[in-house]
Protein backbone atom coordinates (compact mmCIF):
# COMPACT_ATOMS: atom_id res chain seq x y z
CA UNK A 1 -73.72 53.16 -5.15
CA UNK A 2 -72.11 50.66 -2.81
CA UNK A 3 -73.23 47.14 -1.99
CA UNK A 4 -72.12 45.41 1.20
CA UNK A 5 -72.44 41.62 1.25
CA UNK A 6 -72.09 39.51 4.39
CA UNK A 7 -71.81 35.73 4.06
CA UNK A 8 -72.76 33.38 6.86
CA UNK A 9 -69.97 31.18 8.23
CA UNK A 10 -71.86 28.15 6.89
CA UNK A 11 -70.94 29.32 3.36
CA UNK A 12 -67.21 29.24 4.08
CA UNK A 13 -65.33 27.68 1.19
CA UNK A 14 -68.38 27.54 -1.09
CA UNK A 15 -68.33 30.99 -2.69
CA UNK A 16 -66.69 32.15 -5.90
CA UNK A 17 -66.54 35.26 -8.05
CA UNK A 18 -65.51 38.84 -7.42
CA UNK A 19 -65.81 38.54 -3.63
CA UNK A 20 -63.37 35.62 -3.41
CA UNK A 21 -63.58 32.08 -2.08
CA UNK A 22 -64.19 32.74 1.63
CA UNK A 23 -61.56 30.19 2.62
CA UNK A 24 -59.06 32.43 4.47
CA UNK A 25 -56.55 32.02 1.62
CA UNK A 26 -55.93 35.34 -0.10
CA UNK A 27 -53.58 33.64 -2.57
CA UNK A 28 -56.44 32.05 -4.52
CA UNK A 29 -59.03 34.83 -4.38
CA UNK A 30 -58.36 35.61 -8.06
CA UNK A 31 -59.55 32.16 -9.13
CA UNK A 32 -61.61 32.21 -12.33
CA UNK A 33 -64.36 29.90 -13.60
CA UNK A 34 -61.84 27.55 -15.23
CA UNK A 35 -60.11 27.01 -11.89
CA UNK A 36 -56.97 28.94 -12.80
CA UNK A 37 -55.74 31.81 -10.63
CA UNK A 38 -55.20 35.10 -12.45
CA UNK A 39 -52.23 37.28 -11.57
CA UNK A 40 -53.89 40.70 -11.90
CA UNK A 41 -57.19 42.19 -10.78
CA UNK A 42 -58.17 43.43 -14.30
CA UNK A 43 -57.78 39.95 -15.78
CA UNK A 44 -59.70 38.47 -12.85
CA UNK A 45 -62.51 41.00 -13.14
CA UNK A 46 -62.80 40.56 -16.90
CA UNK A 47 -63.17 36.80 -16.50
CA UNK A 48 -66.38 37.20 -14.50
CA UNK A 49 -68.22 39.48 -16.95
CA UNK A 50 -71.84 38.46 -17.44
CA UNK A 51 -72.23 40.34 -20.72
CA UNK A 52 -69.78 39.86 -23.54
CA UNK A 53 -70.41 43.38 -24.88
CA UNK A 54 -69.09 44.96 -21.68
CA UNK A 55 -65.64 46.43 -22.40
CA UNK A 56 -62.64 44.85 -20.72
CA UNK A 57 -60.82 46.65 -17.93
CA UNK A 58 -57.47 47.77 -19.29
CA UNK A 59 -54.53 46.93 -17.07
CA UNK A 60 -52.50 50.00 -16.18
CA UNK A 61 -48.84 50.18 -15.26
CA UNK A 62 -47.57 52.07 -12.26
CA UNK A 63 -49.56 54.04 -9.72
CA UNK A 64 -52.41 56.00 -11.37
CA UNK A 65 -51.57 59.14 -9.37
CA UNK A 66 -48.43 59.50 -11.49
CA UNK A 67 -50.64 60.28 -14.47
CA UNK A 68 -52.17 63.47 -13.05
CA UNK A 69 -50.71 65.96 -10.59
CA UNK A 70 -54.14 67.49 -10.00
CA UNK A 71 -55.74 64.16 -9.17
CA UNK A 72 -52.84 63.23 -6.92
CA UNK A 73 -53.14 66.48 -4.95
CA UNK A 74 -56.91 66.07 -4.65
CA UNK A 75 -56.64 62.45 -3.52
CA UNK A 76 -53.92 63.03 -0.94
CA UNK A 77 -55.69 66.04 0.56
CA UNK A 78 -59.07 64.39 1.09
CA UNK A 79 -57.98 60.81 1.72
CA UNK A 80 -55.48 61.90 4.39
CA UNK A 81 -58.46 62.89 6.54
CA UNK A 82 -58.92 59.19 7.23
CA UNK A 83 -55.61 58.98 9.10
CA UNK A 84 -55.61 62.40 10.78
CA UNK A 85 -55.03 61.64 14.50
CA UNK A 86 -57.02 64.76 15.42
CA UNK A 87 -59.61 64.39 12.68
CA UNK A 88 -63.14 63.15 12.18
CA UNK A 89 -62.32 59.47 12.30
CA UNK A 90 -59.68 59.38 15.04
CA UNK A 91 -61.96 57.66 17.55
CA UNK A 92 -62.01 54.54 15.37
CA UNK A 93 -58.27 54.27 14.70
CA UNK A 94 -57.63 51.98 17.66
CA UNK A 95 -60.22 49.49 16.39
CA UNK A 96 -59.85 49.74 12.61
CA UNK A 97 -56.56 50.85 11.10
CA UNK A 98 -57.23 53.52 8.48
CA UNK A 99 -53.95 53.02 6.58
CA UNK A 100 -55.24 50.53 4.01
CA UNK A 101 -58.40 52.57 3.50
CA UNK A 102 -56.34 55.69 2.89
CA UNK A 103 -54.14 53.89 0.35
CA UNK A 104 -57.19 52.51 -1.46
CA UNK A 105 -58.82 55.93 -1.35
CA UNK A 106 -55.82 57.60 -3.00
CA UNK A 107 -55.47 54.89 -5.63
CA UNK A 108 -59.16 54.88 -6.57
CA UNK A 109 -59.43 58.67 -6.59
CA UNK A 110 -56.57 58.89 -9.07
CA UNK A 111 -57.63 55.88 -11.11
CA UNK A 112 -61.31 56.65 -11.64
CA UNK A 113 -62.84 59.24 -13.94
CA UNK A 114 -64.89 60.82 -11.15
CA UNK A 115 -62.40 61.40 -8.35
CA UNK A 116 -64.96 62.74 -5.89
CA UNK A 117 -67.30 59.77 -6.16
CA UNK A 118 -64.42 57.32 -5.79
CA UNK A 119 -62.97 59.19 -2.83
CA UNK A 120 -66.33 59.33 -1.07
CA UNK A 121 -66.93 55.64 -1.70
CA UNK A 122 -63.57 54.83 -0.11
CA UNK A 123 -64.23 57.07 2.89
CA UNK A 124 -67.70 55.62 3.43
CA UNK A 125 -66.17 52.13 3.31
CA UNK A 126 -64.11 53.07 6.37
CA UNK A 127 -67.17 54.59 8.04
CA UNK A 128 -69.03 51.31 7.43
CA UNK A 129 -66.18 49.23 8.86
CA UNK A 130 -66.15 51.40 11.97
CA UNK A 131 -69.93 51.14 12.30
CA UNK A 132 -69.65 47.36 12.17
CA UNK A 133 -67.13 47.62 15.01
CA UNK A 134 -69.52 49.75 17.07
CA UNK A 135 -68.21 53.24 16.27
CA UNK A 136 -70.80 55.43 14.53
CA UNK A 137 -69.95 58.82 13.04
CA UNK A 138 -72.70 61.41 12.78
CA UNK A 139 -72.21 64.63 10.88
CA UNK A 140 -69.06 63.58 9.05
CA UNK A 141 -70.56 64.61 5.72
CA UNK A 142 -70.72 68.19 7.00
CA UNK A 143 -66.98 68.29 6.35
CA UNK A 144 -66.43 65.83 3.51
CA UNK A 145 -68.63 64.43 0.71
CA UNK A 146 -71.51 66.67 1.74
CA UNK A 147 -73.31 66.83 -1.59
CA UNK A 148 -74.39 63.21 -1.35
CA UNK A 149 -76.43 63.92 1.79
CA UNK A 150 -78.35 66.67 -0.04
CA UNK A 151 -79.37 64.65 -3.09
CA UNK A 152 -81.86 62.10 -1.74
CA UNK A 153 -84.59 61.30 -4.30
CA UNK A 154 -88.28 62.01 -3.83
CA UNK A 155 -89.50 62.26 -0.25
CA UNK A 156 -86.57 60.32 1.17
CA UNK A 157 -84.26 61.91 3.72
CA UNK A 158 -80.64 61.38 4.67
CA UNK A 159 -79.69 59.67 7.92
CA UNK A 160 -76.39 58.49 9.34
CA UNK A 161 -77.88 55.31 10.82
CA UNK A 162 -80.33 54.19 8.18
CA UNK A 163 -81.78 50.70 8.62
CA UNK A 164 -84.19 48.58 6.60
CA UNK A 165 -86.02 47.16 9.65
CA UNK A 166 -89.67 48.28 9.91
CA UNK A 167 -89.27 50.96 7.25
CA UNK A 168 -91.76 49.72 4.61
CA UNK A 169 -95.54 49.55 4.39
CA UNK A 170 -95.29 45.80 3.92
CA UNK A 171 -93.56 45.49 7.30
CA UNK A 172 -96.72 46.82 8.99
CA UNK A 173 -98.79 43.90 7.71
CA UNK A 174 -96.29 41.07 7.50
CA UNK A 175 -93.24 39.80 9.33
CA UNK A 176 -90.21 41.89 8.44
CA UNK A 177 -87.44 39.32 8.15
CA UNK A 178 -84.82 42.03 7.80
CA UNK A 179 -85.34 42.73 11.51
CA UNK A 180 -84.26 39.18 12.33
CA UNK A 181 -80.86 39.60 10.69
CA UNK A 182 -77.88 41.46 12.04
CA UNK A 183 -77.32 44.36 9.65
CA UNK A 184 -74.94 47.23 10.23
CA UNK A 185 -76.76 50.55 10.05
CA UNK A 186 -75.38 52.66 7.20
CA UNK A 187 -75.65 56.27 6.15
CA UNK A 188 -77.92 56.87 3.22
CA UNK A 189 -81.36 57.84 1.97
CA UNK A 190 -84.63 56.40 3.20
CA UNK A 191 -88.07 57.32 4.48
CA UNK A 192 -88.18 59.69 7.43
CA UNK A 193 -89.03 58.33 10.87
CA UNK A 194 -92.78 57.73 11.07
CA UNK A 195 -93.21 57.23 7.33
CA UNK A 196 -92.98 54.03 5.33
CA UNK A 197 -91.97 53.10 1.78
CA UNK A 198 -94.57 51.79 -0.64
CA UNK A 199 -94.01 49.44 -3.58
CA UNK A 200 -93.70 52.59 -5.72
CA UNK A 201 -90.83 53.86 -3.54
CA UNK A 202 -92.96 56.65 -2.06
CA UNK A 203 -92.80 57.61 1.61
CA UNK A 204 -96.24 57.77 3.22
CA UNK A 205 -97.76 57.83 6.69
CA UNK A 206 -99.00 54.64 8.36
CA UNK A 207 -102.60 55.63 7.52
CA UNK A 208 -101.82 55.88 3.81
CA UNK A 209 -100.04 52.54 3.63
CA UNK A 210 -101.77 49.73 1.75
CA UNK A 211 -102.40 46.42 3.50
CA UNK A 212 -100.92 43.12 2.40
CA UNK A 213 -102.55 39.70 2.32
CA UNK A 214 -99.71 37.43 1.25
CA UNK A 215 -98.95 38.71 -2.26
CA UNK A 216 -102.15 40.75 -2.60
CA UNK A 217 -101.83 44.50 -2.13
CA UNK A 218 -104.97 46.18 -0.75
CA UNK A 219 -105.01 49.98 -1.20
CA UNK A 220 -105.56 52.13 1.87
CA UNK A 221 -109.24 52.81 2.59
CA UNK A 222 -110.63 49.78 0.75
CA UNK A 223 -112.94 47.26 2.43
CA UNK A 224 -112.16 43.56 2.09
CA UNK A 225 -114.44 40.57 2.72
CA UNK A 226 -112.57 37.43 3.70
CA UNK A 227 -113.81 34.24 5.35
CA UNK A 228 -117.09 35.94 6.19
CA UNK A 229 -115.38 38.86 7.90
CA UNK A 230 -115.20 42.44 6.71
CA UNK A 231 -111.96 44.34 7.17
């Protein structure tokens, strides 16, 4: 799972934690609660734990790919697809340089227990950056990281431009504020076009959607009397 967070410019200089300070100074992004700046990412990450029982991240020495030839070969093969000038993502290279994404992809693929999940997360991060810049890739999972597009839960389906706007039953009865924000469409699982998600995470047709009166959920087919009117 990946979470993308966008902060409004009005929050500049007011944030803290794992995402940094949002002050255009990379040198103090590892600042901890005490105000000190840690020198390494493991120490920084450990300082922001919310549960004491969570194990600390152990700092490693040297590049993780040196620890496993198999992982190194796997990482370099798949991650190099990001920088292939004739490859899937070439049309975005002029807008978003893939070099850093490739390096992060290789490092994470070697460093994490599940190389495939880490590699796919790194690749999808580049896909997201390109989408935010206006370049959308459709069908890229036919070549790489395909299993994740075939494992959507329940009645949900996979789409390369999934959005949250007008995709829930609640949005049919109430204002959908997600439509008023500028969100980058991402690839992922959601209800198919023409169906809507219920509070139970089921995808149903418009006719089967419940109605909403503020916080009251009215099941489909029920009659409601309100202010002398029958609905």
